[in-house]
Amino acid sequence: MAVIDSGKKTVSPGTSSANSEPNSSKRRSVRVVIDIPVSVFGQDSDGKIFGEKTKTVTVNAHGALVIVKTNIDPQKPVLLQNTKTGAETQCHVAYRKEGERGLLEVGLEFEQALPRFWGINFPPEDWNPADRKRPTRSQTPISNPIKTTK
C-alpha cells in the first residue's frame, strides 16, 4: 500500500544538498511512499563510475528518494532506471543525507517532470487517504442482461 505525503519539503540540519529549499517551500507534486526497484548509475566522490541496484523510498512526478551505499558525487549527473519498466532518465542530486550503517539518503530530481516514469497514478493534492472513494455509478446487479441475437 502506498502512503501519500503532500507535506512541505524539509531539509535536515547538517545535510549537504545541491538545491536545498527553505522549509516553507511547497512540493511541486505529491510524494508517494512506495518501494520501486531502480538502478542508479553515475560517478562516486572519487570519480569512479558506479552502478547500484536499490529501491525507492518515496517517488513523485519530479524524482525520488533512494537509499544507496555509494557516495554519489552531488555535482555529477545520475542516470536512474526503473527496473520494472526499463525506463531511464537523467537526474541530478537534489538532496543528500548520511543515514544509518554508512548508507546515504539521496534525493534525485528529474531534468523535467515525468509523472508516468513510475507506472503509477499520482492522486490530486487534496486527496485524503482516509476518505474512501465511492463508485460513481450504481452497484445494483443487472437482473436482465442484454442478449445478442444471431
N, C-alpha and C. Protein backbone atom coordinates (compact mmCIF):
# COMPACT_ATOMS: atom_id res chain seq x y z
N MET A 1 0.84 -1.18 0.00
CA MET A 1 0.00 0.00 0.00
C MET A 1 0.88 1.24 0.00
N ALA A 2 0.59 2.15 -0.84
CA ALA A 2 1.35 3.39 -0.94
C ALA A 2 0.79 4.41 0.04
N VAL A 3 1.67 5.19 0.63
CA VAL A 3 1.28 6.25 1.55
C VAL A 3 1.56 7.57 0.85
N ILE A 4 0.63 8.49 0.98
CA ILE A 4 0.75 9.78 0.31
C ILE A 4 1.27 10.82 1.28
N ASP A 5 2.19 11.65 0.83
CA ASP A 5 2.71 12.75 1.63
C ASP A 5 2.70 13.99 0.76
N SER A 6 1.80 14.91 1.05
CA SER A 6 1.77 16.15 0.29
C SER A 6 2.26 17.31 1.15
N GLY A 7 3.06 16.98 2.16
CA GLY A 7 3.57 17.99 3.07
C GLY A 7 4.66 18.83 2.46
N LYS A 8 5.23 19.69 3.27
CA LYS A 8 6.25 20.60 2.81
C LYS A 8 7.61 19.91 2.79
N LYS A 9 8.48 20.35 1.90
CA LYS A 9 9.82 19.81 1.81
C LYS A 9 10.65 20.30 2.98
N THR A 10 11.36 19.40 3.61
CA THR A 10 12.23 19.80 4.70
C THR A 10 13.63 19.28 4.43
N VAL A 11 14.61 20.00 4.87
CA VAL A 11 16.00 19.60 4.76
C VAL A 11 16.55 19.58 6.18
N SER A 12 17.04 18.42 6.59
CA SER A 12 17.55 18.27 7.95
C SER A 12 18.84 19.05 8.14
N PRO A 13 19.07 19.55 9.34
CA PRO A 13 20.32 20.25 9.62
C PRO A 13 21.51 19.33 9.38
N GLY A 14 22.60 19.89 8.88
CA GLY A 14 23.80 19.10 8.68
C GLY A 14 23.80 18.31 7.39
N THR A 15 22.83 18.53 6.51
CA THR A 15 22.80 17.80 5.25
C THR A 15 23.49 18.59 4.17
N SER A 16 23.96 17.87 3.18
CA SER A 16 24.54 18.51 2.01
C SER A 16 23.54 18.38 0.89
N SER A 17 23.14 19.47 0.32
CA SER A 17 22.13 19.44 -0.74
C SER A 17 22.51 20.40 -1.84
N ALA A 18 22.40 19.90 -3.08
CA ALA A 18 22.72 20.74 -4.22
C ALA A 18 21.70 21.85 -4.39
N ASN A 19 20.44 21.56 -4.08
CA ASN A 19 19.36 22.53 -4.26
C ASN A 19 18.46 22.58 -3.05
N SER A 20 19.00 22.87 -1.88
CA SER A 20 18.18 22.95 -0.68
C SER A 20 17.20 24.10 -0.79
N GLU A 21 16.00 23.87 -0.33
CA GLU A 21 14.98 24.91 -0.32
C GLU A 21 14.59 25.17 1.13
N PRO A 22 14.11 26.36 1.42
CA PRO A 22 13.65 26.64 2.78
C PRO A 22 12.52 25.71 3.17
N ASN A 23 12.38 25.45 4.45
CA ASN A 23 11.34 24.55 4.94
C ASN A 23 9.94 24.98 4.56
N SER A 24 9.74 26.24 4.25
CA SER A 24 8.40 26.73 3.96
C SER A 24 7.98 26.50 2.50
N SER A 25 8.87 26.01 1.65
CA SER A 25 8.51 25.83 0.24
C SER A 25 7.60 24.62 0.07
N LYS A 26 6.69 24.70 -0.89
CA LYS A 26 5.74 23.63 -1.17
C LYS A 26 6.33 22.69 -2.22
N ARG A 27 5.94 21.45 -2.16
CA ARG A 27 6.34 20.48 -3.18
C ARG A 27 5.63 20.78 -4.48
N ARG A 28 6.29 20.43 -5.57
CA ARG A 28 5.68 20.63 -6.89
C ARG A 28 4.72 19.51 -7.24
N SER A 29 4.89 18.35 -6.62
CA SER A 29 3.97 17.23 -6.87
C SER A 29 3.89 16.36 -5.63
N VAL A 30 2.82 15.62 -5.52
CA VAL A 30 2.55 14.77 -4.36
C VAL A 30 3.60 13.67 -4.26
N ARG A 31 4.07 13.43 -3.06
CA ARG A 31 5.05 12.38 -2.81
C ARG A 31 4.30 11.11 -2.40
N VAL A 32 4.71 9.98 -2.98
CA VAL A 32 4.10 8.69 -2.66
C VAL A 32 5.18 7.79 -2.06
N VAL A 33 4.90 7.23 -0.88
CA VAL A 33 5.83 6.31 -0.23
C VAL A 33 5.60 4.93 -0.85
N ILE A 34 6.57 4.47 -1.64
CA ILE A 34 6.44 3.19 -2.33
C ILE A 34 7.83 2.69 -2.69
N ASP A 35 8.04 1.38 -2.59
CA ASP A 35 9.35 0.86 -2.98
C ASP A 35 9.27 0.26 -4.38
N ILE A 36 9.93 0.94 -5.29
CA ILE A 36 10.01 0.54 -6.69
C ILE A 36 11.48 0.21 -6.96
N PRO A 37 11.75 -0.98 -7.51
CA PRO A 37 13.15 -1.31 -7.79
C PRO A 37 13.74 -0.40 -8.87
N VAL A 38 14.93 0.12 -8.59
CA VAL A 38 15.62 1.02 -9.52
C VAL A 38 17.11 0.67 -9.55
N SER A 39 17.76 1.12 -10.60
CA SER A 39 19.21 1.08 -10.69
C SER A 39 19.68 2.52 -10.85
N VAL A 40 20.76 2.85 -10.14
CA VAL A 40 21.32 4.18 -10.16
C VAL A 40 22.74 4.07 -10.73
N PHE A 41 23.04 4.92 -11.73
CA PHE A 41 24.35 4.92 -12.37
C PHE A 41 24.92 6.33 -12.33
N GLY A 42 26.22 6.43 -12.08
CA GLY A 42 26.84 7.74 -12.05
C GLY A 42 28.29 7.66 -11.65
N GLN A 43 28.78 8.75 -11.03
CA GLN A 43 30.15 8.79 -10.54
C GLN A 43 30.12 8.97 -9.03
N ASP A 44 31.05 8.27 -8.36
CA ASP A 44 31.15 8.45 -6.92
C ASP A 44 32.04 9.64 -6.63
N SER A 45 32.24 9.92 -5.35
CA SER A 45 33.02 11.10 -4.96
C SER A 45 34.49 11.00 -5.36
N ASP A 46 34.97 9.79 -5.69
CA ASP A 46 36.35 9.61 -6.17
C ASP A 46 36.44 9.66 -7.70
N GLY A 47 35.32 9.91 -8.37
CA GLY A 47 35.30 10.00 -9.82
C GLY A 47 35.13 8.65 -10.52
N LYS A 48 34.93 7.57 -9.76
CA LYS A 48 34.75 6.24 -10.34
C LYS A 48 33.30 6.05 -10.77
N ILE A 49 33.12 5.41 -11.92
CA ILE A 49 31.78 5.10 -12.42
C ILE A 49 31.21 3.95 -11.58
N PHE A 50 29.93 4.05 -11.23
CA PHE A 50 29.29 3.00 -10.44
C PHE A 50 27.89 2.72 -10.99
N GLY A 51 27.39 1.58 -10.64
CA GLY A 51 26.00 1.19 -10.87
C GLY A 51 25.54 0.45 -9.64
N GLU A 52 24.38 0.82 -9.13
CA GLU A 52 23.88 0.20 -7.89
C GLU A 52 22.39 -0.05 -8.00
N LYS A 53 22.00 -1.28 -7.64
CA LYS A 53 20.57 -1.61 -7.59
C LYS A 53 20.06 -1.27 -6.20
N THR A 54 18.90 -0.64 -6.16
CA THR A 54 18.28 -0.27 -4.89
C THR A 54 16.78 -0.16 -5.13
N LYS A 55 16.07 0.48 -4.23
CA LYS A 55 14.65 0.74 -4.43
C LYS A 55 14.31 2.11 -3.87
N THR A 56 13.21 2.65 -4.33
CA THR A 56 12.80 3.97 -3.89
C THR A 56 12.23 3.92 -2.48
N VAL A 57 12.31 5.04 -1.80
CA VAL A 57 11.63 5.24 -0.52
C VAL A 57 10.35 6.01 -0.80
N THR A 58 10.50 7.10 -1.55
CA THR A 58 9.36 7.89 -2.00
C THR A 58 9.59 8.28 -3.45
N VAL A 59 8.48 8.52 -4.15
CA VAL A 59 8.56 8.99 -5.54
C VAL A 59 7.56 10.12 -5.72
N ASN A 60 7.80 10.93 -6.74
CA ASN A 60 6.82 11.90 -7.19
C ASN A 60 7.06 12.15 -8.67
N ALA A 61 6.33 13.05 -9.25
CA ALA A 61 6.45 13.32 -10.68
C ALA A 61 7.78 13.98 -11.03
N HIS A 62 8.53 14.41 -10.03
CA HIS A 62 9.78 15.13 -10.27
C HIS A 62 11.02 14.37 -9.82
N GLY A 63 10.86 13.14 -9.29
CA GLY A 63 12.03 12.39 -8.87
C GLY A 63 11.73 11.37 -7.81
N ALA A 64 12.76 11.07 -6.99
CA ALA A 64 12.63 10.03 -5.98
C ALA A 64 13.66 10.21 -4.87
N LEU A 65 13.37 9.57 -3.75
CA LEU A 65 14.33 9.44 -2.67
C LEU A 65 14.75 7.98 -2.65
N VAL A 66 16.06 7.73 -2.69
CA VAL A 66 16.58 6.37 -2.67
C VAL A 66 17.62 6.25 -1.57
N ILE A 67 17.89 5.03 -1.15
CA ILE A 67 18.95 4.73 -0.20
C ILE A 67 20.04 3.99 -0.97
N VAL A 68 21.28 4.49 -0.91
CA VAL A 68 22.38 3.87 -1.64
C VAL A 68 23.59 3.68 -0.73
N LYS A 69 24.48 2.78 -1.14
CA LYS A 69 25.74 2.55 -0.43
C LYS A 69 26.83 3.47 -0.97
N THR A 70 26.73 3.80 -2.27
CA THR A 70 27.76 4.57 -2.95
C THR A 70 27.69 6.05 -2.57
N ASN A 71 28.86 6.64 -2.34
CA ASN A 71 28.96 8.06 -2.04
C ASN A 71 28.90 8.82 -3.37
N ILE A 72 27.69 9.08 -3.84
CA ILE A 72 27.46 9.73 -5.13
C ILE A 72 27.99 11.15 -5.12
N ASP A 73 28.68 11.52 -6.21
CA ASP A 73 29.15 12.89 -6.38
C ASP A 73 27.93 13.77 -6.68
N PRO A 74 27.58 14.70 -5.78
CA PRO A 74 26.38 15.51 -5.98
C PRO A 74 26.48 16.51 -7.13
N GLN A 75 27.67 16.71 -7.66
CA GLN A 75 27.86 17.67 -8.76
C GLN A 75 27.75 17.01 -10.14
N LYS A 76 27.65 15.68 -10.18
CA LYS A 76 27.61 14.95 -11.45
C LYS A 76 26.19 14.46 -11.73
N PRO A 77 25.84 14.34 -13.02
CA PRO A 77 24.52 13.79 -13.36
C PRO A 77 24.44 12.32 -12.99
N VAL A 78 23.22 11.86 -12.78
CA VAL A 78 22.94 10.48 -12.41
C VAL A 78 21.92 9.93 -13.39
N LEU A 79 22.09 8.67 -13.79
CA LEU A 79 21.10 8.01 -14.62
C LEU A 79 20.28 7.10 -13.71
N LEU A 80 18.96 7.25 -13.75
CA LEU A 80 18.07 6.45 -12.94
C LEU A 80 17.26 5.55 -13.86
N GLN A 81 17.23 4.26 -13.55
CA GLN A 81 16.46 3.31 -14.35
C GLN A 81 15.40 2.65 -13.47
N ASN A 82 14.15 2.69 -13.96
CA ASN A 82 13.06 1.95 -13.33
C ASN A 82 13.20 0.52 -13.84
N THR A 83 13.62 -0.40 -12.98
CA THR A 83 13.92 -1.76 -13.45
C THR A 83 12.67 -2.55 -13.82
N LYS A 84 11.51 -2.13 -13.34
CA LYS A 84 10.26 -2.81 -13.73
C LYS A 84 9.89 -2.51 -15.18
N THR A 85 10.09 -1.26 -15.58
CA THR A 85 9.67 -0.83 -16.92
C THR A 85 10.83 -0.70 -17.89
N GLY A 86 12.05 -0.58 -17.37
CA GLY A 86 13.21 -0.34 -18.22
C GLY A 86 13.40 1.12 -18.57
N ALA A 87 12.48 1.99 -18.14
CA ALA A 87 12.57 3.43 -18.44
C ALA A 87 13.79 4.02 -17.73
N GLU A 88 14.47 4.93 -18.42
CA GLU A 88 15.65 5.61 -17.87
C GLU A 88 15.50 7.11 -18.02
N THR A 89 16.08 7.83 -17.08
CA THR A 89 16.08 9.29 -17.18
C THR A 89 17.29 9.85 -16.46
N GLN A 90 17.76 10.98 -16.94
CA GLN A 90 18.87 11.66 -16.29
C GLN A 90 18.34 12.50 -15.14
N CYS A 91 19.08 12.50 -14.04
CA CYS A 91 18.71 13.23 -12.82
C CYS A 91 19.91 14.00 -12.31
N HIS A 92 19.64 14.83 -11.33
CA HIS A 92 20.71 15.42 -10.55
C HIS A 92 20.39 15.24 -9.07
N VAL A 93 21.43 15.29 -8.26
CA VAL A 93 21.27 15.12 -6.82
C VAL A 93 20.70 16.41 -6.25
N ALA A 94 19.54 16.31 -5.63
CA ALA A 94 18.88 17.47 -5.04
C ALA A 94 18.98 17.45 -3.52
N TYR A 95 19.36 16.30 -2.96
CA TYR A 95 19.38 16.14 -1.50
C TYR A 95 20.30 14.98 -1.16
N ARG A 96 21.08 15.13 -0.11
CA ARG A 96 21.95 14.06 0.40
C ARG A 96 21.98 14.10 1.90
N LYS A 97 21.90 12.94 2.51
CA LYS A 97 21.99 12.87 3.97
C LYS A 97 22.60 11.52 4.34
N GLU A 98 23.58 11.56 5.22
CA GLU A 98 24.15 10.30 5.69
C GLU A 98 23.16 9.63 6.61
N GLY A 99 22.94 8.35 6.35
CA GLY A 99 21.99 7.58 7.14
C GLY A 99 22.70 6.59 8.03
N GLU A 100 21.94 5.61 8.45
CA GLU A 100 22.48 4.57 9.33
C GLU A 100 23.34 3.57 8.56
N ARG A 101 24.29 2.96 9.25
CA ARG A 101 25.16 1.92 8.70
C ARG A 101 25.90 2.34 7.44
N GLY A 102 26.25 3.61 7.34
CA GLY A 102 27.02 4.08 6.20
C GLY A 102 26.23 4.27 4.92
N LEU A 103 24.91 4.15 5.00
CA LEU A 103 24.08 4.34 3.82
C LEU A 103 23.76 5.82 3.64
N LEU A 104 23.44 6.21 2.42
CA LEU A 104 23.09 7.58 2.12
C LEU A 104 21.66 7.67 1.62
N GLU A 105 20.94 8.67 2.11
CA GLU A 105 19.64 9.03 1.54
C GLU A 105 19.94 10.03 0.45
N VAL A 106 19.47 9.76 -0.77
CA VAL A 106 19.74 10.65 -1.87
C VAL A 106 18.44 11.00 -2.58
N GLY A 107 18.17 12.28 -2.68
CA GLY A 107 17.03 12.77 -3.44
C GLY A 107 17.48 13.03 -4.87
N LEU A 108 16.85 12.35 -5.82
CA LEU A 108 17.19 12.52 -7.23
C LEU A 108 16.07 13.28 -7.92
N GLU A 109 16.43 14.33 -8.62
CA GLU A 109 15.44 15.15 -9.30
C GLU A 109 15.58 14.98 -10.81
N PHE A 110 14.46 14.68 -11.47
CA PHE A 110 14.44 14.55 -12.93
C PHE A 110 14.76 15.90 -13.56
N GLU A 111 15.28 15.87 -14.78
CA GLU A 111 15.54 17.10 -15.52
C GLU A 111 14.23 17.82 -15.85
N GLN A 112 13.16 17.05 -16.04
CA GLN A 112 11.82 17.60 -16.26
C GLN A 112 10.82 16.65 -15.62
N ALA A 113 9.64 17.13 -15.29
CA ALA A 113 8.61 16.30 -14.65
C ALA A 113 8.27 15.11 -15.55
N LEU A 114 8.22 13.92 -14.94
CA LEU A 114 7.88 12.69 -15.65
C LEU A 114 6.90 11.88 -14.81
N PRO A 115 5.65 12.32 -14.71
CA PRO A 115 4.70 11.62 -13.84
C PRO A 115 4.43 10.17 -14.24
N ARG A 116 4.67 9.79 -15.47
CA ARG A 116 4.43 8.41 -15.91
C ARG A 116 5.65 7.50 -15.74
N PHE A 117 6.78 8.04 -15.32
CA PHE A 117 8.01 7.26 -15.18
C PHE A 117 7.83 6.09 -14.22
N TRP A 118 7.04 6.28 -13.18
CA TRP A 118 6.91 5.27 -12.13
C TRP A 118 5.84 4.22 -12.42
N GLY A 119 4.99 4.45 -13.40
CA GLY A 119 3.94 3.48 -13.71
C GLY A 119 2.82 3.49 -12.69
N ILE A 120 2.67 4.61 -11.97
CA ILE A 120 1.57 4.75 -11.02
C ILE A 120 0.86 6.07 -11.31
N ASN A 121 -0.37 6.19 -10.86
CA ASN A 121 -1.12 7.43 -10.99
C ASN A 121 -0.97 8.23 -9.71
N PHE A 122 -0.62 9.50 -9.86
CA PHE A 122 -0.48 10.36 -8.69
C PHE A 122 -1.83 10.97 -8.35
N PRO A 123 -2.25 10.90 -7.09
CA PRO A 123 -3.52 11.49 -6.68
C PRO A 123 -3.43 13.01 -6.66
N PRO A 124 -4.58 13.68 -6.71
CA PRO A 124 -4.56 15.15 -6.64
C PRO A 124 -4.08 15.62 -5.27
N GLU A 125 -3.63 16.86 -5.18
CA GLU A 125 -3.10 17.44 -3.94
C GLU A 125 -4.08 17.33 -2.77
N ASP A 126 -5.38 17.46 -3.06
CA ASP A 126 -6.35 17.48 -1.97
C ASP A 126 -6.89 16.09 -1.63
N TRP A 127 -6.29 15.05 -2.17
CA TRP A 127 -6.74 13.68 -1.88
C TRP A 127 -6.42 13.34 -0.45
N ASN A 128 -7.41 12.83 0.26
CA ASN A 128 -7.23 12.43 1.65
C ASN A 128 -7.28 10.91 1.70
N PRO A 129 -6.19 10.23 2.05
CA PRO A 129 -6.19 8.78 2.06
C PRO A 129 -7.19 8.17 3.04
N ALA A 130 -7.67 8.96 4.01
CA ALA A 130 -8.65 8.46 4.97
C ALA A 130 -10.04 8.36 4.34
N ASP A 131 -10.27 9.16 3.29
CA ASP A 131 -11.57 9.12 2.62
C ASP A 131 -11.64 7.93 1.67
N ARG A 132 -12.73 7.23 1.70
CA ARG A 132 -12.92 6.14 0.76
C ARG A 132 -13.60 6.66 -0.48
N LYS A 133 -13.10 6.23 -1.60
CA LYS A 133 -13.73 6.63 -2.86
C LYS A 133 -14.96 5.75 -3.07
N ARG A 134 -16.07 6.36 -3.38
CA ARG A 134 -17.29 5.63 -3.66
C ARG A 134 -17.49 5.58 -5.16
N PRO A 135 -18.01 4.47 -5.66
CA PRO A 135 -18.25 4.37 -7.10
C PRO A 135 -19.25 5.44 -7.54
N THR A 136 -19.08 5.92 -8.75
CA THR A 136 -19.94 6.97 -9.26
C THR A 136 -21.24 6.41 -9.84
N ARG A 137 -21.26 5.13 -10.15
CA ARG A 137 -22.50 4.56 -10.68
C ARG A 137 -23.05 3.52 -9.70
N SER A 138 -24.26 3.14 -9.91
CA SER A 138 -24.95 2.22 -9.02
C SER A 138 -24.27 0.86 -8.98
N GLN A 139 -24.29 0.26 -7.81
CA GLN A 139 -23.73 -1.07 -7.65
C GLN A 139 -24.81 -2.15 -7.74
N THR A 140 -26.00 -1.75 -8.18
CA THR A 140 -27.10 -2.70 -8.31
C THR A 140 -26.79 -3.71 -9.41
N PRO A 141 -26.92 -5.01 -9.11
CA PRO A 141 -26.63 -6.01 -10.14
C PRO A 141 -27.65 -5.93 -11.28
N ILE A 142 -27.17 -6.27 -12.47
CA ILE A 142 -28.07 -6.27 -13.62
C ILE A 142 -28.89 -7.56 -13.57
N SER A 143 -30.22 -7.42 -13.52
CA SER A 143 -31.06 -8.60 -13.39
C SER A 143 -31.45 -9.17 -14.76
N ASN A 144 -31.41 -8.36 -15.79
CA ASN A 144 -31.80 -8.82 -17.11
C ASN A 144 -30.76 -8.35 -18.12
N PRO A 145 -29.64 -9.10 -18.25
CA PRO A 145 -28.61 -8.66 -19.18
C PRO A 145 -29.09 -8.67 -20.62
N ILE A 146 -28.50 -7.82 -21.41
CA ILE A 146 -28.88 -7.74 -22.82
C ILE A 146 -28.34 -8.97 -23.53
N LYS A 147 -29.20 -9.61 -24.31
CA LYS A 147 -28.80 -10.80 -25.06
C LYS A 147 -28.64 -10.42 -26.51
N THR A 148 -27.64 -10.97 -27.14
CA THR A 148 -27.44 -10.71 -28.56
C THR A 148 -28.09 -11.82 -29.35
N THR A 149 -28.63 -11.48 -30.47
CA THR A 149 -29.25 -12.49 -31.33
C THR A 149 -28.38 -12.72 -32.55
N LYS A 150 -28.46 -13.93 -33.05
CA LYS A 150 -27.65 -14.27 -34.22
C LYS A 150 -28.46 -14.32 -35.46
